[in-house]
Amino acid sequence: MLKKTAPALGIFLLLILSVSVYANQRITKVGIIDMDRVKITFIDKSKDYTDYEKYRKEFDAKVAAITAKIDGMQAQKLEAKENGNEALALKLDNSILTENEYLKEYYRIAKNEIKIILQKINTGDDFYLKLKKAIALVAEEDGYSMVLDISTNPVLYWASDIDVTDRVIKTLSKMYETR
């Protein structure tokens, strides 16, 4: 009797073993999101981003004002030279040099501050915390193991049914409505 049941038992054990191995394997389901589209949709919700935009506009205006001042002094210097006023031309040349140094230093400091603001945006902004939470909720609801950002990754093809962008935007909208 053992000889008759041994092959059947062997097949049964092999079947159980293969089912067990298959059950332990996780099939990865990948979703995609267009983060640029999400950010554009909610740009006004990010305090750090609005601070960045304000600072950048102030920076651009100040650089333009300093540059205009330097241009004006250069025109005055040229006029002073044409009129033979070397003392004024030399004084303006020193002022131009001082303003150029100030502009370089201001530019260096402002770029560092902008870098710090951008790092803050990418790590601690309330909007980005909510965005991460919304992505996680959508991914868990739909069974995605990972979600790739197509605005930064060179994904060459994807099926439209794995694009979670619209669902994340809707989830984020609900999060902001319940504030």
Protein backbone atom coordinates (compact mmCIF):
# COMPACT_ATOMS: atom_id res chain seq x y z
CA MET A 1 0.00 0.00 0.00
CA LEU A 2 2.87 2.37 0.75
CA LYS A 3 4.17 1.88 -2.78
CA LYS A 4 0.81 3.00 -4.21
CA THR A 5 0.44 6.08 -2.02
CA ALA A 6 4.08 7.20 -2.09
CA PRO A 7 3.90 8.84 -5.57
CA ALA A 8 0.61 10.53 -4.72
CA LEU A 9 2.01 11.67 -1.38
CA GLY A 10 5.14 12.97 -3.12
CA ILE A 11 3.07 14.94 -5.63
CA PHE A 12 0.89 16.29 -2.82
CA LEU A 13 3.93 17.41 -0.80
CA LEU A 14 5.48 19.00 -3.91
CA LEU A 15 2.23 20.83 -4.57
CA ILE A 16 2.05 22.10 -0.97
CA LEU A 17 5.70 23.17 -1.10
CA SER A 18 5.23 25.08 -4.37
CA VAL A 19 2.08 26.79 -3.07
CA SER A 20 3.97 27.75 0.10
CA VAL A 21 6.87 29.21 -1.89
CA TYR A 22 4.48 31.08 -4.19
CA ALA A 23 2.52 32.45 -1.23
CA ASN A 24 5.71 33.86 0.30
CA GLN A 25 6.62 35.70 -2.88
CA ARG A 26 5.28 39.22 -3.14
CA ILE A 27 4.19 40.42 -6.52
CA THR A 28 5.24 44.04 -6.85
CA LYS A 29 2.60 46.42 -8.15
CA VAL A 30 4.03 49.74 -9.26
CA GLY A 31 2.16 53.00 -9.56
CA ILE A 32 3.26 56.31 -11.04
CA ILE A 33 2.58 59.90 -10.08
CA ASP A 34 3.31 63.21 -11.78
CA MET A 35 4.58 65.19 -8.78
CA ASP A 36 4.98 68.37 -10.83
CA ARG A 37 1.25 68.32 -11.63
CA VAL A 38 0.37 67.73 -7.97
CA LYS A 39 2.67 70.54 -6.81
CA ILE A 40 1.21 72.97 -9.35
CA THR A 41 -2.31 72.07 -8.22
CA PHE A 42 -1.52 72.76 -4.55
CA ILE A 43 1.23 75.38 -4.80
CA ASP A 44 -0.72 77.88 -2.70
CA LYS A 45 -0.96 75.35 0.17
CA SER A 46 2.79 75.33 0.81
CA LYS A 47 3.78 78.12 3.20
CA ASP A 48 7.47 77.44 2.62
CA TYR A 49 6.98 77.63 -1.14
CA THR A 50 5.15 80.96 -0.90
CA ASP A 51 7.97 82.21 1.37
CA TYR A 52 10.45 81.05 -1.26
CA GLU A 53 8.60 82.85 -4.03
CA LYS A 54 8.42 86.04 -1.95
CA TYR A 55 12.12 85.87 -1.11
CA ARG A 56 13.06 85.15 -4.73
CA LYS A 57 11.05 88.17 -5.95
CA GLU A 58 12.69 90.39 -3.31
CA PHE A 59 16.08 89.02 -4.34
CA ASP A 60 15.43 89.72 -8.04
CA ALA A 61 14.22 93.26 -7.27
CA LYS A 62 17.24 94.05 -5.09
CA VAL A 63 19.69 92.68 -7.68
CA ALA A 64 17.95 94.75 -10.37
CA ALA A 65 18.15 97.88 -8.18
CA ILE A 66 21.86 97.40 -7.41
CA THR A 67 22.61 96.66 -11.08
CA ALA A 68 20.72 99.81 -12.14
CA LYS A 69 22.70 101.84 -9.58
CA ILE A 70 25.98 100.44 -10.93
CA ASP A 71 24.90 101.16 -14.51
CA GLY A 72 24.03 104.74 -13.53
CA MET A 73 27.42 105.24 -11.85
CA GLN A 74 29.18 103.85 -14.92
CA ALA A 75 27.32 106.32 -17.12
CA GLN A 76 28.29 109.16 -14.73
CA LYS A 77 31.91 107.97 -14.76
CA LEU A 78 31.97 107.98 -18.57
CA GLU A 79 30.47 111.48 -18.61
CA ALA A 80 33.00 112.68 -16.01
CA LYS A 81 35.87 111.34 -18.13
CA GLU A 82 34.46 113.01 -21.25
CA ASN A 83 34.27 116.30 -19.32
CA GLY A 84 37.86 115.89 -18.07
CA ASN A 85 36.82 115.47 -14.42
CA GLU A 86 39.28 112.69 -13.47
CA ALA A 87 38.72 113.14 -9.72
CA LEU A 88 35.00 112.45 -10.05
CA ALA A 89 35.70 109.58 -12.46
CA LEU A 90 38.10 108.00 -9.92
CA LYS A 91 35.61 108.49 -7.07
CA LEU A 92 32.85 106.85 -9.17
CA ASP A 93 35.20 104.02 -10.13
CA ASN A 94 35.77 103.27 -6.42
CA SER A 95 32.02 103.44 -5.76
CA ILE A 96 31.36 101.06 -8.67
CA LEU A 97 33.94 98.62 -7.29
CA THR A 98 32.33 98.81 -3.83
CA GLU A 99 28.84 98.22 -5.25
CA ASN A 100 30.06 95.28 -7.35
CA GLU A 101 31.61 93.68 -4.26
CA TYR A 102 28.38 94.29 -2.32
CA LEU A 103 26.37 92.72 -5.16
CA LYS A 104 28.61 89.62 -5.21
CA GLU A 105 28.35 89.21 -1.44
CA TYR A 106 24.58 89.77 -1.44
CA TYR A 107 24.21 87.25 -4.26
CA ARG A 108 26.28 84.65 -2.37
CA ILE A 109 24.31 85.08 0.88
CA ALA A 110 20.92 85.11 -0.89
CA LYS A 111 21.72 81.94 -2.84
CA ASN A 112 22.58 80.16 0.43
CA GLU A 113 19.30 81.32 2.00
CA ILE A 114 17.37 80.15 -1.05
CA LYS A 115 19.11 76.77 -0.82
CA ILE A 116 18.08 76.48 2.85
CA ILE A 117 14.46 77.40 2.02
CA LEU A 118 14.35 74.80 -0.76
CA GLN A 119 15.74 72.13 1.59
CA LYS A 120 13.05 73.06 4.12
CA ILE A 121 10.41 72.74 1.41
CA ASN A 122 11.58 69.26 0.48
CA THR A 123 11.81 67.93 4.03
CA GLY A 124 9.49 69.54 6.53
CA ASP A 125 6.75 71.51 4.84
CA ASP A 126 3.23 70.62 6.03
CA PHE A 127 2.15 70.30 2.40
CA TYR A 128 4.81 67.69 1.67
CA LEU A 129 3.94 65.75 4.80
CA LYS A 130 0.30 65.64 3.66
CA LEU A 131 1.40 64.74 0.13
CA LYS A 132 3.42 61.77 1.40
CA LYS A 133 0.45 60.67 3.51
CA ALA A 134 -1.94 60.96 0.52
CA ILE A 135 0.40 58.93 -1.69
CA ALA A 136 0.68 56.26 1.01
CA LEU A 137 -3.12 56.10 1.42
CA VAL A 138 -3.73 55.71 -2.31
CA ALA A 139 -0.91 53.17 -2.66
CA GLU A 140 -2.22 51.08 0.23
CA GLU A 141 -5.84 51.23 -0.98
CA ASP A 142 -4.83 50.09 -4.47
CA GLY A 143 -2.17 47.61 -3.38
CA TYR A 144 0.87 49.39 -4.85
CA SER A 145 4.24 48.34 -3.44
CA MET A 146 5.89 51.47 -4.78
CA VAL A 147 4.98 54.71 -6.55
CA LEU A 148 7.46 56.33 -8.93
CA ASP A 149 7.58 60.04 -9.73
CA ILE A 150 7.46 60.33 -13.53
CA SER A 151 8.46 63.99 -13.43
CA THR A 152 11.96 63.05 -12.21
CA ASN A 153 12.45 59.42 -13.29
CA PRO A 154 13.00 58.44 -16.88
CA VAL A 155 10.02 56.11 -17.17
CA LEU A 156 9.58 55.50 -20.88
CA TYR A 157 6.22 53.76 -20.84
CA TRP A 158 3.39 53.13 -18.44
CA ALA A 159 -0.19 52.03 -18.68
CA SER A 160 -2.65 54.73 -17.72
CA ASP A 161 -4.29 52.52 -15.09
CA ILE A 162 -1.20 52.73 -12.83
CA ASP A 163 -1.20 56.56 -12.80
CA VAL A 164 -2.32 57.60 -9.31
CA THR A 165 -1.89 61.36 -9.82
CA ASP A 166 -5.61 62.20 -9.98
CA ARG A 167 -6.42 60.02 -6.95
CA VAL A 168 -3.64 61.66 -4.92
CA ILE A 169 -4.90 65.13 -5.91
CA LYS A 170 -8.43 64.15 -4.79
CA THR A 171 -7.11 62.70 -1.52
CA LEU A 172 -5.06 65.83 -0.83
CA SER A 173 -8.08 68.02 -1.60
CA LYS A 174 -10.08 66.11 1.00
CA MET A 175 -7.27 66.53 3.53
CA TYR A 176 -7.31 70.30 3.04
CA GLU A 177 -11.13 70.45 3.18
CA THR A 178 -11.19 68.77 6.61
CA ARG A 179 -8.81 71.31 8.18
